[in-house]
Amino acid sequence: MPALGLDTIVARKTGAAAAPVDDELVLLDPRRSRYFSFDPTGRRVWELLEEPQSVRALCTALEREYAVEPERCEAEVVSFLEQLTQHELVETR
């Protein structure tokens, strides 16, 4: 898996079913019969990925919404996206 950079485009893979539960998001990947639970920030990332976009664009939106430092946001978003990629929930371009 290539390393994610700020200019990497990330897109949701089709097929996963998502449902909000309180302020979290529960995701079902029927291909692998696996459930995932995202906290509010993970849920927001998933929502922002409704349209493919760059890691930079994701971070810019999250920095504004959560008033987080750019370096911290980038590190945490890249880590989360790498996990989503490993579980084949998103693809990179």
N, C-alpha and C. Protein backbone atom coordinates (compact mmCIF):
# COMPACT_ATOMS: atom_id res chain seq x y z
N MET A 1 0.86 -1.19 0.00
CA MET A 1 0.00 0.00 0.00
C MET A 1 0.89 1.24 0.00
N PRO A 2 0.73 2.13 -0.99
CA PRO A 2 1.53 3.34 -1.00
C PRO A 2 1.16 4.25 0.15
N ALA A 3 2.13 5.03 0.60
CA ALA A 3 1.89 5.96 1.70
C ALA A 3 0.91 7.04 1.25
N LEU A 4 0.06 7.45 2.16
CA LEU A 4 -0.89 8.51 1.86
C LEU A 4 -0.20 9.85 2.02
N GLY A 5 -0.35 10.70 1.03
CA GLY A 5 0.17 12.06 1.10
C GLY A 5 -0.99 13.04 1.11
N LEU A 6 -0.69 14.30 1.30
CA LEU A 6 -1.75 15.31 1.36
C LEU A 6 -2.50 15.45 0.04
N ASP A 7 -1.84 15.10 -1.07
CA ASP A 7 -2.50 15.22 -2.37
C ASP A 7 -3.16 13.93 -2.83
N THR A 8 -3.09 12.87 -2.02
CA THR A 8 -3.74 11.61 -2.35
C THR A 8 -5.25 11.81 -2.34
N ILE A 9 -5.92 11.34 -3.38
CA ILE A 9 -7.38 11.40 -3.44
C ILE A 9 -7.92 10.13 -2.80
N VAL A 10 -8.89 10.30 -1.91
CA VAL A 10 -9.49 9.18 -1.19
C VAL A 10 -10.97 9.13 -1.54
N ALA A 11 -11.47 7.92 -1.78
CA ALA A 11 -12.88 7.74 -2.12
C ALA A 11 -13.42 6.52 -1.38
N ARG A 12 -14.67 6.59 -1.00
CA ARG A 12 -15.34 5.43 -0.41
C ARG A 12 -15.47 4.33 -1.45
N LYS A 13 -15.34 3.10 -1.02
CA LYS A 13 -15.68 1.98 -1.89
C LYS A 13 -17.18 1.76 -1.77
N THR A 14 -17.79 1.30 -2.83
CA THR A 14 -19.22 1.05 -2.79
C THR A 14 -19.51 -0.25 -2.06
N GLY A 15 -20.70 -0.37 -1.54
CA GLY A 15 -21.14 -1.62 -0.94
C GLY A 15 -21.33 -1.59 0.55
N ALA A 16 -20.66 -0.71 1.26
CA ALA A 16 -20.81 -0.65 2.71
C ALA A 16 -22.11 0.07 3.06
N ALA A 17 -22.78 -0.42 4.08
CA ALA A 17 -24.00 0.21 4.56
C ALA A 17 -23.68 0.94 5.86
N ALA A 18 -24.11 2.19 5.96
CA ALA A 18 -23.81 3.00 7.14
C ALA A 18 -25.10 3.50 7.77
N ALA A 19 -25.11 3.56 9.11
CA ALA A 19 -26.27 4.08 9.83
C ALA A 19 -25.79 4.85 11.05
N PRO A 20 -26.33 6.05 11.26
CA PRO A 20 -25.98 6.81 12.45
C PRO A 20 -26.61 6.19 13.70
N VAL A 21 -25.85 6.15 14.77
CA VAL A 21 -26.33 5.69 16.07
C VAL A 21 -25.85 6.72 17.08
N ASP A 22 -26.78 7.52 17.58
CA ASP A 22 -26.44 8.67 18.41
C ASP A 22 -25.48 9.55 17.61
N ASP A 23 -24.31 9.86 18.16
CA ASP A 23 -23.37 10.71 17.42
C ASP A 23 -22.28 9.90 16.73
N GLU A 24 -22.42 8.58 16.74
CA GLU A 24 -21.46 7.71 16.09
C GLU A 24 -22.03 7.19 14.77
N LEU A 25 -21.24 6.39 14.08
CA LEU A 25 -21.67 5.79 12.83
C LEU A 25 -21.31 4.31 12.86
N VAL A 26 -22.27 3.47 12.51
CA VAL A 26 -22.02 2.03 12.42
C VAL A 26 -22.01 1.69 10.94
N LEU A 27 -20.99 0.95 10.55
CA LEU A 27 -20.79 0.61 9.15
C LEU A 27 -20.75 -0.91 9.03
N LEU A 28 -21.45 -1.44 8.04
CA LEU A 28 -21.43 -2.87 7.76
C LEU A 28 -20.80 -3.08 6.40
N ASP A 29 -19.77 -3.91 6.37
CA ASP A 29 -19.16 -4.31 5.11
C ASP A 29 -19.68 -5.71 4.80
N PRO A 30 -20.71 -5.81 3.94
CA PRO A 30 -21.31 -7.12 3.68
C PRO A 30 -20.38 -8.09 2.95
N ARG A 31 -19.39 -7.58 2.25
CA ARG A 31 -18.45 -8.46 1.54
C ARG A 31 -17.66 -9.31 2.52
N ARG A 32 -17.37 -8.76 3.67
CA ARG A 32 -16.57 -9.47 4.67
C ARG A 32 -17.34 -9.77 5.95
N SER A 33 -18.60 -9.41 5.97
CA SER A 33 -19.44 -9.61 7.16
C SER A 33 -18.79 -9.01 8.40
N ARG A 34 -18.35 -7.75 8.28
CA ARG A 34 -17.69 -7.07 9.39
C ARG A 34 -18.40 -5.75 9.69
N TYR A 35 -18.48 -5.45 10.99
CA TYR A 35 -19.05 -4.20 11.45
C TYR A 35 -17.93 -3.29 11.93
N PHE A 36 -18.14 -1.99 11.75
CA PHE A 36 -17.21 -0.99 12.24
C PHE A 36 -18.02 0.09 12.94
N SER A 37 -17.44 0.67 13.96
CA SER A 37 -18.08 1.77 14.68
C SER A 37 -17.12 2.95 14.67
N PHE A 38 -17.61 4.09 14.20
CA PHE A 38 -16.79 5.29 14.13
C PHE A 38 -17.26 6.29 15.18
N ASP A 39 -16.30 6.90 15.86
CA ASP A 39 -16.63 7.97 16.80
C ASP A 39 -17.08 9.19 16.00
N PRO A 40 -17.48 10.28 16.67
CA PRO A 40 -17.98 11.44 15.92
C PRO A 40 -17.00 11.99 14.88
N THR A 41 -15.72 11.98 15.18
CA THR A 41 -14.75 12.49 14.20
C THR A 41 -14.63 11.53 13.02
N GLY A 42 -14.57 10.24 13.29
CA GLY A 42 -14.54 9.26 12.21
C GLY A 42 -15.79 9.34 11.36
N ARG A 43 -16.92 9.55 12.03
CA ARG A 43 -18.18 9.71 11.30
C ARG A 43 -18.10 10.91 10.38
N ARG A 44 -17.53 12.00 10.85
CA ARG A 44 -17.42 13.21 10.03
C ARG A 44 -16.51 12.97 8.82
N VAL A 45 -15.41 12.26 9.02
CA VAL A 45 -14.53 11.92 7.90
C VAL A 45 -15.31 11.12 6.87
N TRP A 46 -16.06 10.13 7.32
CA TRP A 46 -16.85 9.29 6.40
C TRP A 46 -17.86 10.15 5.64
N GLU A 47 -18.51 11.08 6.33
CA GLU A 47 -19.47 11.96 5.67
C GLU A 47 -18.77 12.82 4.62
N LEU A 48 -17.60 13.35 4.95
CA LEU A 48 -16.87 14.19 4.00
C LEU A 48 -16.43 13.39 2.78
N LEU A 49 -16.24 12.09 2.95
CA LEU A 49 -15.82 11.24 1.83
C LEU A 49 -16.99 10.83 0.94
N GLU A 50 -18.14 11.44 1.14
CA GLU A 50 -19.27 11.16 0.25
C GLU A 50 -18.85 11.47 -1.19
N GLU A 51 -18.00 12.47 -1.35
CA GLU A 51 -17.39 12.79 -2.63
C GLU A 51 -15.89 12.57 -2.51
N PRO A 52 -15.25 11.94 -3.48
CA PRO A 52 -13.79 11.76 -3.41
C PRO A 52 -13.09 13.10 -3.23
N GLN A 53 -12.08 13.11 -2.39
CA GLN A 53 -11.32 14.34 -2.19
C GLN A 53 -9.93 14.03 -1.65
N SER A 54 -9.11 15.04 -1.67
CA SER A 54 -7.73 14.85 -1.22
C SER A 54 -7.66 14.84 0.30
N VAL A 55 -6.60 14.24 0.80
CA VAL A 55 -6.35 14.25 2.24
C VAL A 55 -6.25 15.70 2.71
N ARG A 56 -5.62 16.55 1.92
CA ARG A 56 -5.49 17.97 2.27
C ARG A 56 -6.86 18.62 2.45
N ALA A 57 -7.80 18.35 1.53
CA ALA A 57 -9.14 18.94 1.63
C ALA A 57 -9.87 18.43 2.88
N LEU A 58 -9.73 17.14 3.17
CA LEU A 58 -10.32 16.60 4.40
C LEU A 58 -9.78 17.32 5.62
N CYS A 59 -8.46 17.45 5.67
CA CYS A 59 -7.83 18.09 6.83
C CYS A 59 -8.25 19.54 6.96
N THR A 60 -8.33 20.24 5.85
CA THR A 60 -8.74 21.65 5.89
C THR A 60 -10.14 21.78 6.48
N ALA A 61 -11.06 20.91 6.05
CA ALA A 61 -12.43 20.95 6.57
C ALA A 61 -12.45 20.63 8.06
N LEU A 62 -11.73 19.60 8.47
CA LEU A 62 -11.72 19.19 9.87
C LEU A 62 -11.03 20.22 10.76
N GLU A 63 -9.97 20.85 10.27
CA GLU A 63 -9.28 21.89 11.04
C GLU A 63 -10.23 23.04 11.34
N ARG A 64 -11.05 23.41 10.35
CA ARG A 64 -12.03 24.48 10.57
C ARG A 64 -13.11 24.06 11.55
N GLU A 65 -13.64 22.86 11.39
CA GLU A 65 -14.75 22.40 12.22
C GLU A 65 -14.35 22.12 13.66
N TYR A 66 -13.15 21.58 13.86
CA TYR A 66 -12.73 21.14 15.19
C TYR A 66 -11.64 22.01 15.82
N ALA A 67 -11.20 23.04 15.11
CA ALA A 67 -10.14 23.94 15.60
C ALA A 67 -8.94 23.15 16.10
N VAL A 68 -8.47 22.25 15.24
CA VAL A 68 -7.33 21.39 15.58
C VAL A 68 -6.11 21.87 14.80
N GLU A 69 -4.94 21.63 15.37
CA GLU A 69 -3.69 22.03 14.72
C GLU A 69 -3.47 21.21 13.45
N PRO A 70 -2.96 21.82 12.38
CA PRO A 70 -2.78 21.10 11.12
C PRO A 70 -1.94 19.83 11.23
N GLU A 71 -0.83 19.87 11.96
CA GLU A 71 0.04 18.70 12.07
C GLU A 71 -0.68 17.53 12.75
N ARG A 72 -1.41 17.83 13.80
CA ARG A 72 -2.14 16.78 14.52
C ARG A 72 -3.25 16.22 13.64
N CYS A 73 -3.97 17.11 12.97
CA CYS A 73 -5.07 16.68 12.10
C CYS A 73 -4.53 15.78 11.00
N GLU A 74 -3.46 16.20 10.35
CA GLU A 74 -2.89 15.40 9.25
C GLU A 74 -2.48 14.02 9.74
N ALA A 75 -1.79 13.96 10.87
CA ALA A 75 -1.33 12.67 11.39
C ALA A 75 -2.50 11.75 11.71
N GLU A 76 -3.51 12.28 12.37
CA GLU A 76 -4.65 11.45 12.76
C GLU A 76 -5.52 11.05 11.57
N VAL A 77 -5.71 11.95 10.63
CA VAL A 77 -6.51 11.64 9.45
C VAL A 77 -5.81 10.59 8.60
N VAL A 78 -4.51 10.75 8.39
CA VAL A 78 -3.76 9.76 7.61
C VAL A 78 -3.83 8.40 8.29
N SER A 79 -3.66 8.35 9.59
CA SER A 79 -3.72 7.09 10.32
C SER A 79 -5.10 6.43 10.15
N PHE A 80 -6.15 7.21 10.29
CA PHE A 80 -7.51 6.69 10.15
C PHE A 80 -7.76 6.20 8.72
N LEU A 81 -7.33 6.97 7.74
CA LEU A 81 -7.52 6.58 6.34
C LEU A 81 -6.72 5.33 6.00
N GLU A 82 -5.55 5.18 6.59
CA GLU A 82 -4.77 3.96 6.37
C GLU A 82 -5.52 2.74 6.91
N GLN A 83 -6.18 2.90 8.05
CA GLN A 83 -6.97 1.79 8.60
C GLN A 83 -8.15 1.47 7.68
N LEU A 84 -8.82 2.51 7.18
CA LEU A 84 -9.94 2.29 6.27
C LEU A 84 -9.48 1.60 4.99
N THR A 85 -8.29 1.97 4.52
CA THR A 85 -7.73 1.36 3.33
C THR A 85 -7.42 -0.12 3.58
N GLN A 86 -6.84 -0.42 4.72
CA GLN A 86 -6.52 -1.81 5.07
C GLN A 86 -7.77 -2.68 5.13
N HIS A 87 -8.86 -2.09 5.58
CA HIS A 87 -10.13 -2.83 5.68
C HIS A 87 -10.93 -2.76 4.37
N GLU A 88 -10.32 -2.16 3.34
CA GLU A 88 -10.91 -2.05 2.03
C GLU A 88 -12.25 -1.31 2.01
N LEU A 89 -12.34 -0.28 2.85
CA LEU A 89 -13.54 0.55 2.88
C LEU A 89 -13.39 1.80 2.02
N VAL A 90 -12.13 2.19 1.77
CA VAL A 90 -11.85 3.31 0.88
C VAL A 90 -10.76 2.90 -0.10
N GLU A 91 -10.67 3.66 -1.18
CA GLU A 91 -9.60 3.45 -2.14
C GLU A 91 -8.90 4.78 -2.37
N THR A 92 -7.64 4.69 -2.78
CA THR A 92 -6.86 5.89 -3.01
C THR A 92 -6.52 6.00 -4.49
N ARG A 93 -6.33 7.23 -4.92
CA ARG A 93 -5.99 7.50 -6.32
C ARG A 93 -4.82 8.45 -6.36
